[in-house]
Amino acid sequence: MITIGYSTRESNSKLKEYFIKSSGFKKNLVIEKVNNGEKSLSEIYNEIINEATTDIVVLCHDDITFDTSAWYPKLLEHFNNSEFGILGVAGTTHMPESGQWWENRRKMYGIVNHQQGTKKWESKYSEPIGKDIKPVVVVDGLFIAIHKKRIKKNFNEEFKGFHFYDIPFCFENYLEGVKVGVITNIRITHQSIGMTNEQWESNRQLFVQKYSSKLPQKIQFDKDKDKINVLLTCLNFKTFTGSELYVYELARGLKKLNCDVTVMSQIGGPLTDLAKKNGIKCLSFEQAPGFKLGDGKWGFDDGNGYKVSQVNMMYRVSEVNFDIIHIQHKPVAERILNFYPEIDKICTIHSEVIELENPVIHPSIKKYIAIRPEIKENLISEFQIPENDIEIIYNPIDESKFVKSDLNESGYVLFVGTLDYLRRETLMDLIEYTQSINKELWVVGENRGNFLDAILREHNVKYFPSTWNVEKYLKGCSETAGIQLGRTTIEGWLSGKPGWIYKVDSLGVITSKEKFDPPTDLEKYYSSNVANEIKNMYIKILS
């Protein structure tokens, strides 16, 4: 059994009965303390803890109702299956220097209903977490469940009155190593709105003064247990171009590492279908979480009266719980910064010669990823981004898909990539090269140029549309070719094939070309390793 304790101005037998009945266990105990201000809540709660003969004690306000019937077994299961000493229904992973625990709403967790008169609404600080517990620094005092044998500190009676008693209690225990957590499978309605007053402010100042050397405090991510909610964004997520496959491979790898992954882009193609089949959520920009697209019909009150939404305009309507946003491509980055300026971000840069890939500078962008060393050098020299803000993490390639095969010396030369202005001169050079060595040139990619007919007039050129199954072309080739250090070169290396790397400028003019055998450190390109490296980067930013 457990003990339910509360402070109230008048004894209320019906309230006692309600707490017992709603818990779902008739043998639970209730300790009611009639208190008209003679004692602080800290004093009252300490009395209840001392008088309780059970290990688990629920301390709550007298103006709450339970929306979850038979909530006692759920609470018992949480304590029995964990080492947590304090549980609540709302809290934060970050305790700021101000002592105002709700200062950063994005760090809040839990769901609480409120009711004032006939109006009832939901304060949803995070998504439901089922039977899980979210580790936090403090929980709100409307409902605090404790395990007496696990807490190290009782309520601090220096904090007078009925405000701010909960924060020092949780914080002191947290500093002593007691695990504090938020649960969402017990729902509560608070019959009032929490309001601050002079007493709250006085206690807040006392708290800040006492613990200034310990503030701020925030929960560190547990790499193995905590699920990071990631939003990946890019210009397109439809076909099999380099940056699209980068996002797909990263999303797939992060999902295997216990991340909740959403891709937001222009969607609707074979890559979108493949991602959805693998359990990756895909959204268009018009479906941006927290926003609603105007249609000229629905409306809202902006404080100056009722207004009808404008057609095709995006309106922010709610908070979102993404822990981090991983962006690519300048126009998308600018749009996402406008949507979610408050959320920490990482930006991957895929090229040093395409204007689309120019970086956006913003305080919320904590790190830049360059997929090859030349891009990092460009970010430093051309955009003055500090070197410490840039990490080189190479393109992620599925190591289970691209495996070493026999080298076919008499095979064709394989070029995989989008047919556009950047690759035109490279393709012309490859035609000349392959004809000089009496080999075929197989070209695989999406046609976005105006020169396909011209290259197909060459007797040794074969063209194939963009495909997911690139590995079938790698098996029969003798070598690969591509611009910069692209995906095809790396996929070829993993398949045991040497590759020509053409370096080009912003107009596609060749600046150098060189043939490379597969290197010995191919592990740095494995999707699993890249995803793990990037997840660790997320954790450092969020911790």
Protein backbone atom coordinates (compact mmCIF):
# COMPACT_ATOMS: atom_id res chain seq x y z
CA MET A 1 0.00 0.00 0.00
CA ILE A 2 0.94 3.67 -0.23
CA THR A 3 0.17 6.83 1.72
CA ILE A 4 -1.53 9.83 0.14
CA GLY A 5 -0.98 13.09 2.02
CA TYR A 6 -2.13 16.64 1.48
CA SER A 7 -2.69 19.96 3.22
CA THR A 8 -6.14 21.53 3.24
CA ARG A 9 -7.97 24.40 4.93
CA GLU A 10 -10.96 22.28 5.97
CA SER A 11 -11.31 18.56 6.67
CA ASN A 12 -13.11 16.84 3.82
CA SER A 13 -14.12 13.19 4.18
CA LYS A 14 -15.28 13.06 0.55
CA LEU A 15 -11.83 14.12 -0.63
CA LYS A 16 -10.26 11.32 1.42
CA GLU A 17 -12.68 8.84 -0.11
CA TYR A 18 -11.97 10.19 -3.60
CA PHE A 19 -8.22 9.73 -3.29
CA ILE A 20 -8.67 6.15 -2.06
CA LYS A 21 -11.23 5.26 -4.72
CA SER A 22 -9.32 6.87 -7.62
CA SER A 23 -6.13 5.03 -6.62
CA GLY A 24 -7.82 1.69 -7.26
CA PHE A 25 -6.74 0.10 -3.94
CA LYS A 26 -8.96 0.35 -0.87
CA LYS A 27 -6.18 -0.33 1.63
CA ASN A 28 -4.16 2.75 0.71
CA LEU A 29 -3.82 5.29 3.51
CA VAL A 30 -4.65 8.99 3.56
CA ILE A 31 -3.08 11.58 5.85
CA GLU A 32 -5.02 14.83 5.80
CA LYS A 33 -3.46 17.88 7.43
CA VAL A 34 -5.79 20.77 8.21
CA ASN A 35 -3.68 23.89 7.89
CA ASN A 36 -4.80 27.50 7.60
CA GLY A 37 -1.35 28.96 7.18
CA GLU A 38 0.00 28.08 10.60
CA LYS A 39 2.65 25.91 8.95
CA SER A 40 4.44 25.93 5.63
CA LEU A 41 3.93 23.17 3.10
CA SER A 42 7.50 22.08 3.77
CA GLU A 43 6.62 21.53 7.44
CA ILE A 44 3.34 19.78 6.62
CA TYR A 45 4.92 17.45 4.08
CA ASN A 46 7.71 16.53 6.48
CA GLU A 47 5.09 15.63 9.08
CA ILE A 48 3.30 13.42 6.55
CA ILE A 49 6.55 11.70 5.56
CA ASN A 50 7.42 11.05 9.21
CA GLU A 51 3.95 9.72 10.03
CA ALA A 52 3.60 7.53 6.96
CA THR A 53 4.19 3.85 7.64
CA THR A 54 4.54 2.97 3.94
CA ASP A 55 7.63 3.28 1.78
CA ILE A 56 5.79 5.15 -1.00
CA VAL A 57 4.18 8.48 -0.16
CA VAL A 58 2.21 10.68 -2.56
CA LEU A 59 2.18 14.37 -1.65
CA CYS A 60 -0.34 16.36 -3.63
CA HIS A 61 -2.52 19.43 -3.74
CA ASP A 62 -6.08 19.20 -2.49
CA ASP A 63 -7.44 20.66 -5.74
CA ILE A 64 -6.42 17.91 -8.17
CA THR A 65 -8.45 15.15 -9.77
CA PHE A 66 -7.12 12.05 -11.48
CA ASP A 67 -7.97 11.51 -15.14
CA THR A 68 -6.35 8.06 -14.90
CA SER A 69 -8.50 5.54 -13.06
CA ALA A 70 -6.76 3.05 -10.76
CA TRP A 71 -3.50 5.00 -10.93
CA TYR A 72 -1.90 3.27 -7.92
CA PRO A 73 -0.70 0.10 -9.78
CA LYS A 74 1.00 2.26 -12.41
CA LEU A 75 2.83 4.26 -9.75
CA LEU A 76 3.84 1.11 -7.90
CA GLU A 77 5.18 -0.42 -11.12
CA HIS A 78 7.33 2.66 -11.74
CA PHE A 79 8.97 2.41 -8.32
CA ASN A 80 9.29 -1.38 -8.41
CA ASN A 81 10.94 -1.39 -11.85
CA SER A 82 13.35 1.50 -11.32
CA GLU A 83 15.67 3.14 -8.82
CA PHE A 84 13.86 6.49 -8.88
CA GLY A 85 13.23 8.15 -5.53
CA ILE A 86 11.01 11.05 -6.63
CA LEU A 87 8.36 11.02 -9.39
CA GLY A 88 6.07 13.74 -10.70
CA VAL A 89 3.87 14.50 -13.69
CA ALA A 90 5.70 17.63 -14.84
CA GLY A 91 9.30 18.74 -14.53
CA THR A 92 12.42 19.94 -16.30
CA THR A 93 15.79 18.55 -17.33
CA HIS A 94 17.36 22.00 -16.88
CA MET A 95 17.44 24.10 -13.72
CA PRO A 96 18.57 27.60 -14.74
CA GLU A 97 20.49 30.12 -12.70
CA SER A 98 17.27 32.12 -12.25
CA GLY A 99 15.60 29.32 -10.27
CA GLN A 100 12.54 29.63 -12.54
CA TRP A 101 12.24 26.01 -13.56
CA TRP A 102 9.86 26.60 -16.46
CA GLU A 103 12.16 29.23 -18.02
CA ASN A 104 13.08 26.95 -20.93
CA ARG A 105 9.86 25.27 -22.03
CA ARG A 106 11.74 23.00 -24.41
CA LYS A 107 13.45 21.37 -21.44
CA MET A 108 10.13 20.62 -19.74
CA TYR A 109 8.50 17.21 -19.74
CA GLY A 110 5.10 15.90 -18.76
CA ILE A 111 1.41 16.50 -19.40
CA VAL A 112 -0.96 18.26 -17.00
CA ASN A 113 -4.57 19.27 -17.49
CA HIS A 114 -5.92 22.50 -16.03
CA GLN A 115 -9.46 23.55 -15.29
CA GLN A 116 -10.86 26.93 -14.37
CA GLY A 117 -14.61 27.03 -14.10
CA THR A 118 -16.03 25.23 -17.13
CA LYS A 119 -12.87 25.71 -19.21
CA LYS A 120 -10.45 22.79 -19.34
CA TRP A 121 -7.23 22.55 -21.32
CA GLU A 122 -4.11 20.43 -21.63
CA SER A 123 -0.60 21.69 -20.92
CA LYS A 124 1.49 19.29 -22.98
CA TYR A 125 5.19 19.85 -22.29
CA SER A 126 6.26 16.68 -24.12
CA GLU A 127 4.90 13.65 -25.92
CA PRO A 128 3.63 10.74 -23.79
CA ILE A 129 6.36 8.27 -22.84
CA GLY A 130 4.16 5.29 -21.93
CA LYS A 131 5.63 3.23 -19.08
CA ASP A 132 8.98 5.01 -19.26
CA ILE A 133 10.36 7.59 -16.83
CA LYS A 134 12.08 10.76 -18.02
CA PRO A 135 14.98 11.75 -15.73
CA VAL A 136 14.68 15.40 -14.65
CA VAL A 137 16.19 17.78 -12.12
CA VAL A 138 12.95 18.85 -10.40
CA VAL A 139 9.22 18.10 -10.59
CA ASP A 140 6.23 20.30 -9.95
CA GLY A 141 4.63 20.13 -6.50
CA LEU A 142 1.03 19.48 -7.53
CA PHE A 143 1.90 15.74 -7.40
CA ILE A 144 5.11 14.40 -5.89
CA ALA A 145 5.49 10.67 -5.25
CA ILE A 146 8.47 9.62 -3.15
CA HIS A 147 10.10 6.41 -2.00
CA LYS A 148 11.12 7.10 1.60
CA LYS A 149 14.05 4.67 1.56
CA ARG A 150 15.56 6.28 -1.54
CA ILE A 151 15.41 10.00 -0.76
CA LYS A 152 18.30 11.66 1.08
CA LYS A 153 16.66 14.93 2.15
CA ASN A 154 13.31 15.93 3.52
CA PHE A 155 11.63 19.23 2.60
CA ASN A 156 13.73 22.29 3.47
CA GLU A 157 11.80 24.26 6.09
CA GLU A 158 13.77 27.42 5.40
CA PHE A 159 11.32 27.90 2.55
CA LYS A 160 8.21 29.36 4.15
CA GLY A 161 4.60 29.41 3.05
CA PHE A 162 3.00 27.52 0.20
CA HIS A 163 5.31 28.35 -2.70
CA PHE A 164 8.62 27.01 -3.98
CA TYR A 165 8.70 24.18 -1.41
CA ASP A 166 8.96 21.59 -4.23
CA ILE A 167 12.04 22.97 -6.00
CA PRO A 168 14.62 22.83 -3.15
CA PHE A 169 13.28 19.42 -2.07
CA CYS A 170 13.82 17.91 -5.52
CA PHE A 171 17.03 19.83 -6.19
CA GLU A 172 18.73 18.90 -2.93
CA ASN A 173 17.88 15.24 -3.47
CA TYR A 174 19.05 15.43 -7.08
CA LEU A 175 22.40 16.84 -5.94
CA GLU A 176 22.68 13.94 -3.49
CA GLY A 177 22.28 11.44 -6.34
CA VAL A 178 18.58 10.66 -5.93
CA LYS A 179 16.92 9.93 -9.27
CA VAL A 180 14.07 12.35 -10.03
CA GLY A 181 11.69 11.61 -12.90
CA VAL A 182 8.56 12.53 -14.83
CA ILE A 183 5.87 10.00 -15.77
CA THR A 184 3.01 10.50 -18.24
CA ASN A 185 0.80 7.44 -17.78
CA ILE A 186 -0.85 9.03 -14.75
CA ARG A 187 -2.87 12.07 -15.81
CA ILE A 188 -4.02 14.79 -13.44
CA THR A 189 -6.26 17.82 -13.73
CA HIS A 190 -5.31 20.81 -11.59
CA GLN A 191 -8.36 22.83 -10.63
CA SER A 192 -6.41 26.08 -10.64
CA ILE A 193 -3.63 27.88 -12.45
CA GLY A 194 -0.25 28.08 -10.79
CA MET A 195 0.50 31.72 -10.02
CA THR A 196 3.57 33.41 -8.59
CA ASN A 197 3.41 36.03 -5.84
CA GLU A 198 5.71 37.89 -3.43
CA GLN A 199 6.24 34.78 -1.31
CA TRP A 200 7.19 32.75 -4.39
CA GLU A 201 9.65 35.46 -5.44
CA SER A 202 11.17 35.64 -1.96
CA ASN A 203 11.68 31.87 -1.88
CA ARG A 204 13.10 31.92 -5.40
CA GLN A 205 15.70 34.47 -4.35
CA LEU A 206 16.57 32.36 -1.29
CA PHE A 207 16.96 29.31 -3.53
CA VAL A 208 19.23 31.13 -5.99
CA GLN A 209 21.31 32.53 -3.12
CA LYS A 210 21.71 29.10 -1.45
CA TYR A 211 22.54 27.17 -4.61
CA SER A 212 24.25 29.74 -6.84
CA SER A 213 27.40 27.60 -6.99
CA LYS A 214 25.33 24.59 -8.14
CA LEU A 215 23.34 26.38 -10.85
CA PRO A 216 22.65 25.77 -13.65
CA GLN A 217 22.10 22.00 -13.52
CA LYS A 218 20.96 19.84 -16.39
CA ILE A 219 20.45 16.16 -17.04
CA GLN A 220 23.19 14.51 -19.08
CA PHE A 221 22.05 12.31 -21.92
CA ASP A 222 22.42 8.59 -21.37
CA LYS A 223 23.81 7.36 -24.67
CA ASP A 224 22.35 3.88 -24.25
CA LYS A 225 18.93 4.72 -22.81
CA ASP A 226 17.75 8.19 -23.75
CA LYS A 227 15.92 8.59 -27.04
CA ILE A 228 16.91 11.72 -28.95
CA ASN A 229 14.13 13.28 -31.02
CA VAL A 230 15.80 14.38 -34.28
CA LEU A 231 14.41 16.40 -37.18
CA LEU A 232 16.41 15.97 -40.41
CA THR A 233 15.74 18.50 -43.16
CA CYS A 234 16.95 18.81 -46.74
CA LEU A 235 15.82 20.32 -50.03
CA ASN A 236 14.57 17.09 -51.60
CA PHE A 237 13.94 13.60 -50.28
CA LYS A 238 12.56 11.87 -53.35
CA THR A 239 15.26 10.22 -55.44
CA PHE A 240 18.79 8.88 -55.11
CA THR A 241 21.04 11.93 -55.34
CA GLY A 242 24.00 12.31 -52.98
CA SER A 243 22.54 14.57 -50.31
CA GLU A 244 19.23 12.70 -50.33
CA LEU A 245 21.00 9.40 -49.75
CA TYR A 246 23.09 11.05 -47.03
CA VAL A 247 19.90 11.95 -45.16
CA TYR A 248 18.42 8.50 -45.72
CA GLU A 249 21.50 6.64 -44.48
CA LEU A 250 21.82 8.95 -41.48
CA ALA A 251 18.13 8.57 -40.60
CA ARG A 252 18.39 4.80 -40.89
CA GLY A 253 21.51 4.71 -38.73
CA LEU A 254 20.13 7.04 -36.07
CA LYS A 255 16.93 5.02 -35.83
CA LYS A 256 19.01 1.93 -35.04
CA LEU A 257 20.68 3.95 -32.27
CA ASN A 258 17.38 4.56 -30.44
CA CYS A 259 16.68 7.98 -31.95
CA ASP A 260 13.21 9.13 -32.96
CA VAL A 261 13.80 10.42 -36.51
CA THR A 262 11.62 12.61 -38.72
CA VAL A 263 12.64 13.79 -42.20
CA MET A 264 11.07 17.04 -43.41
CA SER A 265 11.61 17.92 -47.06
CA GLN A 266 9.97 17.93 -50.46
CA ILE A 267 8.78 14.34 -50.47
CA GLY A 268 6.98 11.90 -52.71
CA GLY A 269 9.24 9.55 -54.63
CA PRO A 270 11.01 6.18 -54.42
CA LEU A 271 13.34 7.35 -51.64
CA THR A 272 10.38 8.59 -49.58
CA ASP A 273 8.69 5.22 -50.04
CA LEU A 274 11.85 3.37 -49.03
CA ALA A 275 12.27 5.50 -45.91
CA LYS A 276 8.66 4.98 -44.82
CA LYS A 277 9.05 1.24 -45.35
CA ASN A 278 11.96 1.37 -42.88
CA GLY A 279 9.90 3.21 -40.26
CA ILE A 280 11.26 6.72 -40.92
CA LYS A 281 8.64 9.45 -40.59
CA CYS A 282 8.52 11.74 -43.65
CA LEU A 283 6.79 15.13 -43.71
CA SER A 284 6.48 17.91 -46.27
CA PHE A 285 7.30 21.47 -45.27
CA GLU A 286 3.55 22.19 -45.29
CA GLN A 287 3.22 19.57 -42.53
CA ALA A 288 5.85 21.18 -40.30
CA PRO A 289 5.20 20.10 -36.68
CA GLY A 290 3.86 22.92 -34.54
CA PHE A 291 2.50 24.76 -37.60
CA LYS A 292 -0.79 24.90 -39.44
CA LEU A 293 -1.24 25.88 -43.05
CA GLY A 294 -3.67 28.73 -43.64
CA ASP A 295 -6.62 28.03 -45.94
CA GLY A 296 -8.65 31.23 -45.76
CA LYS A 297 -11.27 29.46 -43.62
CA TRP A 298 -9.99 28.72 -40.12
CA GLY A 299 -9.03 31.66 -37.93
CA PHE A 300 -7.61 32.75 -34.62
CA ASP A 301 -7.63 35.58 -32.10
CA ASP A 302 -4.27 37.36 -32.08
CA GLY A 303 -5.18 39.67 -29.21
CA ASN A 304 -6.50 42.32 -31.55
CA GLY A 305 -9.59 40.43 -32.57
CA TYR A 306 -10.47 37.44 -34.73
CA LYS A 307 -8.54 36.98 -37.97
CA VAL A 308 -8.97 34.48 -40.78
CA SER A 309 -5.85 32.58 -41.80
CA GLN A 310 -4.22 33.52 -45.10
CA VAL A 311 -4.07 30.86 -47.79
CA ASN A 312 -0.72 29.00 -47.88
CA MET A 313 0.73 30.92 -44.92
CA MET A 314 2.24 28.84 -42.12
CA TYR A 315 1.14 29.68 -38.55
CA ARG A 316 2.86 28.51 -35.38
CA VAL A 317 0.17 26.87 -33.26
CA SER A 318 2.04 24.73 -30.71
CA GLU A 319 5.37 23.79 -29.19
CA VAL A 320 7.45 20.93 -30.62
CA ASN A 321 9.66 18.43 -28.84
CA PHE A 322 12.57 18.01 -31.19
CA ASP A 323 15.79 17.83 -29.20
CA ILE A 324 17.91 18.79 -32.19
CA ILE A 325 17.46 19.71 -35.85
CA HIS A 326 19.98 18.57 -38.47
CA ILE A 327 19.81 20.81 -41.52
CA GLN A 328 21.27 20.80 -45.02
CA HIS A 329 21.03 23.26 -47.93
CA LYS A 330 20.95 27.03 -47.50
CA PRO A 331 17.30 27.77 -48.48
CA VAL A 332 16.05 24.97 -46.24
CA ALA A 333 18.29 26.12 -43.38
CA GLU A 334 16.89 29.64 -43.63
CA ARG A 335 13.33 28.33 -43.60
CA ILE A 336 13.94 26.06 -40.62
CA LEU A 337 15.62 28.91 -38.69
CA ASN A 338 12.46 30.91 -39.26
CA PHE A 339 10.29 28.00 -38.12
CA TYR A 340 12.28 26.90 -35.05
CA PRO A 341 14.86 29.57 -34.08
CA GLU A 342 15.02 28.30 -30.49
CA ILE A 343 16.06 24.68 -31.15
CA ASP A 344 19.73 23.62 -31.27
CA LYS A 345 20.93 22.69 -34.75
CA ILE A 346 23.71 20.98 -36.69
CA CYS A 347 24.35 21.81 -40.35
CA THR A 348 25.95 19.45 -42.87
CA ILE A 349 27.69 21.04 -45.84
CA HIS A 350 27.95 18.76 -48.88
CA SER A 351 29.98 20.87 -51.30
CA GLU A 352 32.46 23.74 -51.44
CA VAL A 353 31.53 24.79 -55.00
CA ILE A 354 27.71 24.97 -54.99
CA GLU A 355 26.00 28.13 -53.75
CA LEU A 356 23.10 26.02 -52.49
CA GLU A 357 25.56 24.57 -49.97
CA ASN A 358 26.78 27.89 -48.56
CA PRO A 359 26.46 27.87 -44.76
CA VAL A 360 23.98 29.94 -42.79
CA ILE A 361 25.34 31.54 -39.63
CA HIS A 362 23.02 31.53 -36.60
CA PRO A 363 23.50 31.15 -32.81
CA SER A 364 21.33 28.02 -32.75
CA ILE A 365 23.68 26.23 -35.19
CA LYS A 366 26.15 24.65 -32.79
CA LYS A 367 28.24 22.59 -35.22
CA TYR A 368 28.93 22.27 -38.93
CA ILE A 369 29.74 18.92 -40.53
CA ALA A 370 31.97 18.92 -43.60
CA ILE A 371 31.82 15.66 -45.55
CA ARG A 372 35.43 16.09 -46.74
CA PRO A 373 38.47 18.17 -45.70
CA GLU A 374 38.23 20.64 -48.62
CA ILE A 375 34.79 21.74 -47.42
CA LYS A 376 36.13 22.47 -43.93
CA GLU A 377 38.93 24.58 -45.42
CA ASN A 378 36.39 26.50 -47.47
CA LEU A 379 34.12 27.14 -44.46
CA ILE A 380 37.07 28.59 -42.56
CA SER A 381 38.59 30.68 -45.35
CA GLU A 382 35.47 31.91 -47.15
CA PHE A 383 32.94 32.17 -44.32
CA GLN A 384 35.18 32.66 -41.26
CA ILE A 385 33.55 29.84 -39.33
CA PRO A 386 35.80 28.91 -36.38
CA GLU A 387 37.71 25.68 -36.92
CA ASN A 388 36.47 24.27 -33.60
CA ASP A 389 32.88 24.58 -34.85
CA ILE A 390 33.50 22.25 -37.81
CA GLU A 391 33.86 18.47 -37.78
CA ILE A 392 34.85 16.33 -40.76
CA ILE A 393 32.50 13.35 -40.92
CA TYR A 394 32.40 11.54 -44.24
CA ASN A 395 29.44 10.37 -46.30
CA PRO A 396 27.67 7.41 -44.65
CA ILE A 397 27.66 4.30 -46.85
CA ASP A 398 25.79 1.07 -46.07
CA GLU A 399 28.61 -1.36 -45.38
CA SER A 400 26.25 -4.33 -45.66
CA LYS A 401 25.16 -3.33 -49.16
CA PHE A 402 28.51 -2.48 -50.70
CA VAL A 403 30.88 -5.38 -50.17
CA LYS A 404 34.16 -6.28 -51.84
CA SER A 405 33.88 -8.17 -55.12
CA ASP A 406 36.39 -9.43 -57.68
CA LEU A 407 38.11 -6.76 -59.72
CA ASN A 408 37.09 -7.03 -63.38
CA GLU A 409 40.03 -5.48 -65.27
CA SER A 410 38.19 -5.76 -68.57
CA GLY A 411 35.01 -4.23 -67.22
CA TYR A 412 33.51 -0.81 -67.95
CA VAL A 413 34.18 2.50 -66.22
CA LEU A 414 31.24 3.48 -63.99
CA PHE A 415 30.08 7.04 -63.40
CA VAL A 416 27.16 7.57 -60.99
CA GLY A 417 25.82 11.06 -60.40
CA THR A 418 23.30 13.67 -61.42
CA LEU A 419 23.76 14.81 -65.02
CA ASP A 420 24.08 18.56 -64.58
CA TYR A 421 26.45 21.44 -65.38
CA LEU A 422 28.90 20.44 -62.62
CA ARG A 423 29.55 17.05 -64.20
CA ARG A 424 29.35 17.87 -67.91
CA GLU A 425 33.07 18.52 -68.46
CA THR A 426 33.99 15.50 -66.34
CA LEU A 427 31.78 13.25 -68.47
CA MET A 428 33.28 14.60 -71.67
CA ASP A 429 36.76 13.87 -70.32
CA LEU A 430 35.69 10.37 -69.29
CA ILE A 431 34.36 9.67 -72.76
CA GLU A 432 37.73 10.59 -74.22
CA TYR A 433 39.56 8.50 -71.59
CA THR A 434 37.43 5.38 -72.00
CA GLN A 435 37.65 5.51 -75.77
CA SER A 436 41.45 5.76 -75.48
CA ILE A 437 41.57 2.54 -73.45
CA ASN A 438 38.83 0.86 -75.53
CA LYS A 439 36.30 0.55 -72.68
CA GLU A 440 32.63 1.35 -72.23
CA LEU A 441 31.49 4.21 -70.00
CA TRP A 442 28.35 3.40 -68.04
CA VAL A 443 26.54 6.46 -66.73
CA VAL A 444 23.91 6.12 -63.98
CA GLY A 445 22.00 9.13 -62.64
CA GLU A 446 19.15 11.56 -62.82
CA ASN A 447 19.18 13.65 -66.00
CA ARG A 448 19.02 17.35 -65.13
CA GLY A 449 21.20 18.62 -67.98
CA ASN A 450 20.84 19.20 -71.71
CA PHE A 451 23.71 17.04 -72.90
CA LEU A 452 22.44 13.46 -72.51
CA ASP A 453 21.68 13.11 -76.22
CA ALA A 454 25.17 14.33 -77.05
CA ILE A 455 26.97 11.78 -74.88
CA LEU A 456 24.70 8.96 -76.04
CA ARG A 457 25.85 9.56 -79.60
CA GLU A 458 29.23 8.24 -78.49
CA HIS A 459 29.45 4.54 -79.38
CA ASN A 460 30.90 3.45 -76.00
CA VAL A 461 28.44 5.23 -73.66
CA LYS A 462 25.50 3.53 -71.96
CA TYR A 463 23.02 5.44 -69.78
CA PHE A 464 20.81 4.16 -66.96
CA PRO A 465 18.35 6.19 -64.85
CA SER A 466 18.97 6.89 -61.18
CA THR A 467 18.50 3.78 -59.07
CA TRP A 468 18.69 2.48 -55.54
CA ASN A 469 20.53 -0.64 -56.67
CA VAL A 470 23.86 0.94 -57.60
CA GLU A 471 25.73 -2.11 -56.30
CA LYS A 472 24.67 -4.18 -59.32
CA TYR A 473 26.62 -1.83 -61.58
CA LEU A 474 29.67 -1.85 -59.33
CA LYS A 475 30.14 -5.60 -59.64
CA GLY A 476 31.01 -5.48 -63.33
CA CYS A 477 33.10 -2.33 -63.47
CA SER A 478 36.87 -2.03 -63.45
CA GLU A 479 36.93 1.44 -61.88
CA THR A 480 34.62 4.29 -60.93
CA ALA A 481 34.69 8.02 -61.57
CA GLY A 482 33.03 11.00 -59.95
CA ILE A 483 33.51 14.60 -58.94
CA GLN A 484 35.09 15.56 -55.61
CA LEU A 485 34.93 12.72 -53.07
CA GLY A 486 31.38 11.63 -53.85
CA ARG A 487 29.35 8.65 -52.75
CA THR A 488 30.15 6.57 -55.84
CA THR A 489 33.89 6.72 -55.19
CA ILE A 490 33.39 5.49 -51.62
CA GLU A 491 30.86 2.83 -52.66
CA GLY A 492 33.38 1.68 -55.24
CA TRP A 493 36.14 1.49 -52.66
CA LEU A 494 33.95 -0.62 -50.39
CA SER A 495 33.34 -2.85 -53.43
CA GLY A 496 37.08 -3.16 -53.99
CA LYS A 497 37.21 -0.85 -57.04
CA PRO A 498 39.65 2.02 -57.61
CA GLY A 499 38.13 5.39 -58.41
CA TRP A 500 38.91 8.52 -60.37
CA ILE A 501 38.29 11.70 -58.38
CA TYR A 502 37.77 14.78 -60.52
CA LYS A 503 38.01 18.09 -58.70
CA VAL A 504 35.93 20.83 -60.30
CA ASP A 505 35.18 24.48 -59.64
CA SER A 506 31.79 26.17 -59.29
CA LEU A 507 31.28 26.04 -63.08
CA GLY A 508 32.25 22.38 -63.37
CA VAL A 509 35.65 23.16 -64.88
CA ILE A 510 38.13 20.38 -64.05
CA THR A 511 40.95 21.57 -61.79
CA SER A 512 42.56 18.16 -61.25
CA LYS A 513 41.96 14.43 -61.60
CA GLU A 514 43.58 11.45 -59.93
CA LYS A 515 42.92 7.75 -59.60
CA PHE A 516 42.87 6.29 -56.08
CA ASP A 517 42.97 2.70 -54.90
CA PRO A 518 40.69 1.75 -51.98
CA PRO A 519 42.19 3.11 -48.72
CA THR A 520 42.74 0.98 -45.63
CA ASP A 521 40.51 3.08 -43.31
CA LEU A 522 37.16 2.37 -44.97
CA GLU A 523 35.44 2.03 -41.58
CA LYS A 524 35.09 5.81 -41.33
CA TYR A 525 32.57 5.66 -44.18
CA TYR A 526 30.37 2.93 -42.65
CA SER A 527 26.84 4.19 -42.04
CA SER A 528 26.79 2.64 -38.57
CA ASN A 529 30.00 4.45 -37.55
CA VAL A 530 28.94 7.77 -39.08
CA ALA A 531 25.53 7.65 -37.35
CA ASN A 532 27.20 6.85 -34.03
CA GLU A 533 29.65 9.72 -34.45
CA ILE A 534 26.88 12.16 -35.28
CA LYS A 535 24.69 10.95 -32.40
CA ASN A 536 27.62 11.57 -30.03
CA MET A 537 27.82 15.09 -31.44
CA TYR A 538 24.12 15.57 -30.68
CA ILE A 539 24.67 14.38 -27.11
CA LYS A 540 27.56 16.81 -26.54
CA ILE A 541 25.42 19.69 -27.74
CA LEU A 542 22.42 18.69 -25.65
CA SER A 543 24.36 17.87 -22.47
